[in-house]
Amino acid sequence: MAVFESQLTEGNLKNSHIYITAILAHLMPEVEGVPAKPPRAVRLQFENLKVDADIPKSRHGRPRKFIRAREFVEGFFERTGAVVGDTVLFEEIEPARFRLSLRKAAAS
């Protein structure tokens, strides 16, 4: 299955969200030149943490580029020791279902 990446920023850690730009492009392939609508939610899992997270929409109805399931995201960040520059890996295990892991940034 496919693996997608999202590098963490200070904003991610401060606001307890994870950017999903890479998986959104995968979830919304164009069909004969017409953009498809994303699923209403994606399932994310890390160890025993699981969440069905809605993909938020802007006031114009477009999908936002982050998941904000605060309890899940905070638990993921805490358990992995995530810091700015680390990369969240989204391993697709089924359509719209992803297993998360963290790749630590290289020490300088």
N, C-alpha and C. Protein backbone atom coordinates (compact mmCIF):
# COMPACT_ATOMS: atom_id res chain seq x y z
N MET A 1 0.83 -1.19 0.00
CA MET A 1 0.00 0.00 0.00
C MET A 1 0.88 1.25 0.00
N ALA A 2 0.27 2.37 -0.30
CA ALA A 2 0.98 3.63 -0.40
C ALA A 2 1.31 4.22 0.98
N VAL A 3 2.40 4.98 1.02
CA VAL A 3 2.80 5.70 2.23
C VAL A 3 2.94 7.18 1.86
N PHE A 4 2.33 8.04 2.66
CA PHE A 4 2.35 9.48 2.43
C PHE A 4 3.04 10.15 3.61
N GLU A 5 3.63 11.33 3.38
CA GLU A 5 4.42 12.00 4.40
C GLU A 5 3.93 13.42 4.66
N SER A 6 4.07 13.84 5.92
CA SER A 6 3.75 15.20 6.32
C SER A 6 4.74 15.65 7.38
N GLN A 7 5.54 16.65 7.04
CA GLN A 7 6.54 17.15 8.00
C GLN A 7 5.87 18.07 9.01
N LEU A 8 6.21 17.88 10.28
CA LEU A 8 5.60 18.65 11.35
C LEU A 8 6.19 20.06 11.47
N THR A 9 5.30 21.00 11.73
CA THR A 9 5.68 22.39 11.93
C THR A 9 5.36 22.79 13.37
N GLU A 10 5.83 23.96 13.75
CA GLU A 10 5.50 24.48 15.08
C GLU A 10 3.98 24.64 15.23
N GLY A 11 3.33 25.07 14.16
CA GLY A 11 1.87 25.22 14.18
C GLY A 11 1.15 23.91 14.43
N ASN A 12 1.66 22.81 13.86
CA ASN A 12 1.05 21.51 14.10
C ASN A 12 1.07 21.17 15.59
N LEU A 13 2.24 21.33 16.19
CA LEU A 13 2.39 20.97 17.60
C LEU A 13 1.59 21.92 18.50
N LYS A 14 1.58 23.19 18.18
CA LYS A 14 0.87 24.19 18.98
C LYS A 14 -0.64 23.99 18.90
N ASN A 15 -1.16 23.64 17.72
CA ASN A 15 -2.60 23.56 17.49
C ASN A 15 -3.16 22.14 17.45
N SER A 16 -2.32 21.16 17.73
CA SER A 16 -2.75 19.75 17.76
C SER A 16 -3.46 19.33 16.47
N HIS A 17 -2.79 19.57 15.35
CA HIS A 17 -3.31 19.08 14.08
C HIS A 17 -2.17 18.57 13.22
N ILE A 18 -2.53 17.79 12.22
CA ILE A 18 -1.56 17.22 11.28
C ILE A 18 -2.01 17.55 9.87
N TYR A 19 -1.10 18.08 9.06
CA TYR A 19 -1.43 18.37 7.67
C TYR A 19 -1.65 17.07 6.90
N ILE A 20 -2.67 17.07 6.04
CA ILE A 20 -3.00 15.88 5.26
C ILE A 20 -2.98 16.18 3.76
N THR A 21 -2.21 17.18 3.38
CA THR A 21 -2.15 17.58 1.97
C THR A 21 -1.84 16.39 1.06
N ALA A 22 -0.86 15.57 1.45
CA ALA A 22 -0.45 14.44 0.60
C ALA A 22 -1.57 13.41 0.45
N ILE A 23 -2.29 13.11 1.53
CA ILE A 23 -3.34 12.10 1.39
C ILE A 23 -4.59 12.69 0.75
N LEU A 24 -4.81 13.99 0.90
CA LEU A 24 -5.96 14.60 0.23
C LEU A 24 -5.85 14.44 -1.28
N ALA A 25 -4.67 14.69 -1.81
CA ALA A 25 -4.48 14.53 -3.25
C ALA A 25 -4.78 13.09 -3.66
N HIS A 26 -4.44 12.14 -2.82
CA HIS A 26 -4.70 10.73 -3.10
C HIS A 26 -6.20 10.41 -2.96
N LEU A 27 -6.86 11.02 -1.99
CA LEU A 27 -8.28 10.76 -1.75
C LEU A 27 -9.18 11.45 -2.76
N MET A 28 -8.64 12.46 -3.45
CA MET A 28 -9.45 13.26 -4.37
C MET A 28 -8.91 13.24 -5.79
N PRO A 29 -8.71 12.06 -6.37
CA PRO A 29 -8.19 12.05 -7.74
C PRO A 29 -9.21 12.64 -8.71
N GLU A 30 -8.70 13.27 -9.73
CA GLU A 30 -9.61 13.78 -10.75
C GLU A 30 -10.17 12.62 -11.55
N VAL A 31 -11.45 12.67 -11.84
CA VAL A 31 -12.10 11.66 -12.65
C VAL A 31 -12.53 12.34 -13.94
N GLU A 32 -11.87 11.99 -15.02
CA GLU A 32 -12.15 12.59 -16.32
C GLU A 32 -12.17 14.12 -16.22
N GLY A 33 -11.16 14.69 -15.55
CA GLY A 33 -11.02 16.14 -15.48
C GLY A 33 -11.89 16.82 -14.44
N VAL A 34 -12.72 16.05 -13.72
CA VAL A 34 -13.59 16.63 -12.70
C VAL A 34 -13.08 16.22 -11.33
N PRO A 35 -12.75 17.20 -10.44
CA PRO A 35 -12.26 16.82 -9.12
C PRO A 35 -13.32 16.04 -8.35
N ALA A 36 -12.89 14.96 -7.73
CA ALA A 36 -13.80 14.15 -6.92
C ALA A 36 -13.89 14.76 -5.53
N LYS A 37 -14.94 14.43 -4.80
CA LYS A 37 -15.08 14.89 -3.43
C LYS A 37 -14.39 13.89 -2.51
N PRO A 38 -13.73 14.38 -1.47
CA PRO A 38 -13.06 13.46 -0.54
C PRO A 38 -14.09 12.73 0.30
N PRO A 39 -13.69 11.64 0.93
CA PRO A 39 -14.62 11.00 1.86
C PRO A 39 -14.90 11.95 3.01
N ARG A 40 -16.01 11.73 3.69
CA ARG A 40 -16.37 12.60 4.83
C ARG A 40 -15.36 12.47 5.96
N ALA A 41 -14.78 11.29 6.10
CA ALA A 41 -13.86 11.07 7.21
C ALA A 41 -12.77 10.09 6.78
N VAL A 42 -11.67 10.13 7.51
CA VAL A 42 -10.62 9.15 7.35
C VAL A 42 -10.39 8.50 8.70
N ARG A 43 -10.03 7.24 8.70
CA ARG A 43 -9.69 6.56 9.95
C ARG A 43 -8.18 6.61 10.10
N LEU A 44 -7.74 7.08 11.26
CA LEU A 44 -6.32 7.12 11.59
C LEU A 44 -6.09 6.22 12.79
N GLN A 45 -4.99 5.50 12.78
CA GLN A 45 -4.67 4.67 13.94
C GLN A 45 -3.18 4.71 14.21
N PHE A 46 -2.86 4.65 15.50
CA PHE A 46 -1.49 4.56 15.97
C PHE A 46 -1.54 3.74 17.25
N GLU A 47 -0.88 2.59 17.22
CA GLU A 47 -0.93 1.67 18.35
C GLU A 47 -2.40 1.44 18.70
N ASN A 48 -2.80 1.67 19.96
CA ASN A 48 -4.20 1.44 20.32
C ASN A 48 -5.06 2.70 20.20
N LEU A 49 -4.50 3.79 19.69
CA LEU A 49 -5.28 5.00 19.43
C LEU A 49 -5.93 4.89 18.05
N LYS A 50 -7.23 5.19 17.99
CA LYS A 50 -7.94 5.19 16.71
C LYS A 50 -8.93 6.33 16.70
N VAL A 51 -9.12 6.90 15.52
CA VAL A 51 -10.12 7.96 15.39
C VAL A 51 -10.65 7.97 13.96
N ASP A 52 -11.94 8.22 13.83
CA ASP A 52 -12.53 8.54 12.53
C ASP A 52 -12.62 10.05 12.51
N ALA A 53 -11.73 10.68 11.76
CA ALA A 53 -11.60 12.13 11.77
C ALA A 53 -12.25 12.74 10.53
N ASP A 54 -13.16 13.66 10.76
CA ASP A 54 -13.76 14.39 9.65
C ASP A 54 -12.72 15.27 8.99
N ILE A 55 -12.83 15.41 7.69
CA ILE A 55 -11.98 16.33 6.97
C ILE A 55 -12.72 17.67 6.99
N PRO A 56 -12.16 18.66 7.71
CA PRO A 56 -12.88 19.93 7.82
C PRO A 56 -12.98 20.64 6.47
N LYS A 57 -13.97 21.50 6.36
CA LYS A 57 -14.15 22.27 5.14
C LYS A 57 -14.03 23.75 5.46
N SER A 58 -13.58 24.49 4.45
CA SER A 58 -13.52 25.94 4.58
C SER A 58 -14.94 26.50 4.48
N ARG A 59 -15.06 27.77 4.73
CA ARG A 59 -16.40 28.38 4.62
C ARG A 59 -16.92 28.34 3.19
N HIS A 60 -16.02 28.08 2.22
CA HIS A 60 -16.41 27.98 0.81
C HIS A 60 -16.69 26.54 0.41
N GLY A 61 -16.62 25.60 1.38
CA GLY A 61 -16.93 24.21 1.10
C GLY A 61 -15.78 23.38 0.59
N ARG A 62 -14.58 23.96 0.52
CA ARG A 62 -13.42 23.20 0.06
C ARG A 62 -12.80 22.46 1.24
N PRO A 63 -12.22 21.28 0.99
CA PRO A 63 -11.58 20.55 2.09
C PRO A 63 -10.39 21.32 2.62
N ARG A 64 -10.25 21.36 3.96
CA ARG A 64 -9.08 21.96 4.59
C ARG A 64 -7.96 20.94 4.51
N LYS A 65 -6.76 21.37 4.73
CA LYS A 65 -5.61 20.49 4.51
C LYS A 65 -5.02 19.95 5.82
N PHE A 66 -5.87 19.77 6.82
CA PHE A 66 -5.38 19.22 8.08
C PHE A 66 -6.47 18.40 8.77
N ILE A 67 -6.02 17.55 9.67
CA ILE A 67 -6.92 16.79 10.55
C ILE A 67 -6.74 17.39 11.94
N ARG A 68 -7.85 17.72 12.56
CA ARG A 68 -7.77 18.26 13.91
C ARG A 68 -8.67 17.40 14.81
N ALA A 69 -8.18 16.24 15.16
CA ALA A 69 -8.82 15.37 16.14
C ALA A 69 -7.91 15.48 17.36
N ARG A 70 -8.13 16.52 18.14
CA ARG A 70 -7.17 16.92 19.17
C ARG A 70 -6.72 15.79 20.10
N GLU A 71 -7.63 15.03 20.64
CA GLU A 71 -7.25 13.98 21.58
C GLU A 71 -6.33 12.96 20.91
N PHE A 72 -6.69 12.53 19.71
CA PHE A 72 -5.87 11.57 18.98
C PHE A 72 -4.50 12.17 18.66
N VAL A 73 -4.49 13.38 18.10
CA VAL A 73 -3.24 14.01 17.69
C VAL A 73 -2.34 14.27 18.90
N GLU A 74 -2.90 14.77 19.98
CA GLU A 74 -2.10 15.01 21.19
C GLU A 74 -1.51 13.70 21.71
N GLY A 75 -2.30 12.61 21.70
CA GLY A 75 -1.79 11.30 22.12
C GLY A 75 -0.68 10.81 21.22
N PHE A 76 -0.84 11.00 19.92
CA PHE A 76 0.20 10.60 18.96
C PHE A 76 1.48 11.38 19.20
N PHE A 77 1.36 12.71 19.33
CA PHE A 77 2.54 13.54 19.57
C PHE A 77 3.23 13.15 20.87
N GLU A 78 2.45 12.94 21.92
CA GLU A 78 3.02 12.60 23.23
C GLU A 78 3.74 11.25 23.19
N ARG A 79 3.09 10.24 22.64
CA ARG A 79 3.67 8.89 22.62
C ARG A 79 4.90 8.78 21.73
N THR A 80 4.95 9.58 20.68
CA THR A 80 6.10 9.49 19.76
C THR A 80 7.20 10.47 20.10
N GLY A 81 6.91 11.44 20.96
CA GLY A 81 7.90 12.47 21.25
C GLY A 81 8.13 13.38 20.06
N ALA A 82 7.08 13.63 19.30
CA ALA A 82 7.17 14.42 18.06
C ALA A 82 7.67 15.83 18.34
N VAL A 83 8.54 16.30 17.45
CA VAL A 83 9.05 17.67 17.50
C VAL A 83 9.02 18.25 16.08
N VAL A 84 9.18 19.56 16.01
CA VAL A 84 9.22 20.25 14.71
C VAL A 84 10.30 19.59 13.84
N GLY A 85 9.94 19.31 12.59
CA GLY A 85 10.89 18.71 11.65
C GLY A 85 10.73 17.22 11.50
N ASP A 86 10.09 16.55 12.48
CA ASP A 86 9.80 15.12 12.34
C ASP A 86 8.76 14.95 11.23
N THR A 87 8.64 13.74 10.71
CA THR A 87 7.71 13.47 9.62
C THR A 87 6.70 12.41 10.02
N VAL A 88 5.43 12.74 9.87
CA VAL A 88 4.36 11.77 10.09
C VAL A 88 4.21 10.95 8.82
N LEU A 89 4.20 9.64 8.97
CA LEU A 89 4.00 8.74 7.84
C LEU A 89 2.59 8.17 7.92
N PHE A 90 1.86 8.26 6.82
CA PHE A 90 0.51 7.73 6.70
C PHE A 90 0.59 6.50 5.81
N GLU A 91 0.48 5.32 6.37
CA GLU A 91 0.49 4.09 5.59
C GLU A 91 -0.95 3.70 5.32
N GLU A 92 -1.33 3.70 4.06
CA GLU A 92 -2.71 3.35 3.71
C GLU A 92 -2.90 1.85 3.88
N ILE A 93 -3.84 1.46 4.73
CA ILE A 93 -4.11 0.04 4.95
C ILE A 93 -5.41 -0.40 4.27
N GLU A 94 -6.28 0.53 3.99
CA GLU A 94 -7.51 0.35 3.21
C GLU A 94 -7.85 1.73 2.67
N PRO A 95 -8.75 1.83 1.72
CA PRO A 95 -9.13 3.16 1.26
C PRO A 95 -9.62 4.03 2.43
N ALA A 96 -9.05 5.22 2.56
CA ALA A 96 -9.40 6.20 3.60
C ALA A 96 -9.09 5.71 5.02
N ARG A 97 -8.18 4.73 5.14
CA ARG A 97 -7.75 4.23 6.45
C ARG A 97 -6.23 4.19 6.47
N PHE A 98 -5.65 4.82 7.51
CA PHE A 98 -4.21 4.98 7.55
C PHE A 98 -3.65 4.62 8.92
N ARG A 99 -2.51 3.94 8.90
CA ARG A 99 -1.74 3.66 10.11
C ARG A 99 -0.63 4.71 10.16
N LEU A 100 -0.55 5.41 11.28
CA LEU A 100 0.45 6.47 11.41
C LEU A 100 1.70 5.97 12.13
N SER A 101 2.81 6.54 11.75
CA SER A 101 4.07 6.34 12.46
C SER A 101 4.85 7.64 12.33
N LEU A 102 5.97 7.73 13.02
CA LEU A 102 6.74 8.96 13.01
C LEU A 102 8.18 8.65 12.64
N ARG A 103 8.71 9.41 11.71
CA ARG A 103 10.13 9.33 11.37
C ARG A 103 10.78 10.58 11.98
N LYS A 104 11.74 10.33 12.88
CA LYS A 104 12.41 11.44 13.54
C LYS A 104 13.32 12.15 12.54
N ALA A 105 13.44 13.46 12.71
CA ALA A 105 14.32 14.26 11.88
C ALA A 105 15.76 13.88 12.20
N ALA A 106 16.61 13.95 11.22
CA ALA A 106 18.02 13.65 11.43
C ALA A 106 18.62 14.66 12.41
N ALA A 107 19.39 14.16 13.36
CA ALA A 107 20.04 15.04 14.32
C ALA A 107 21.13 15.84 13.61
N SER A 108 21.24 17.12 13.97
CA SER A 108 22.27 17.92 13.30
C SER A 108 23.52 18.02 14.13
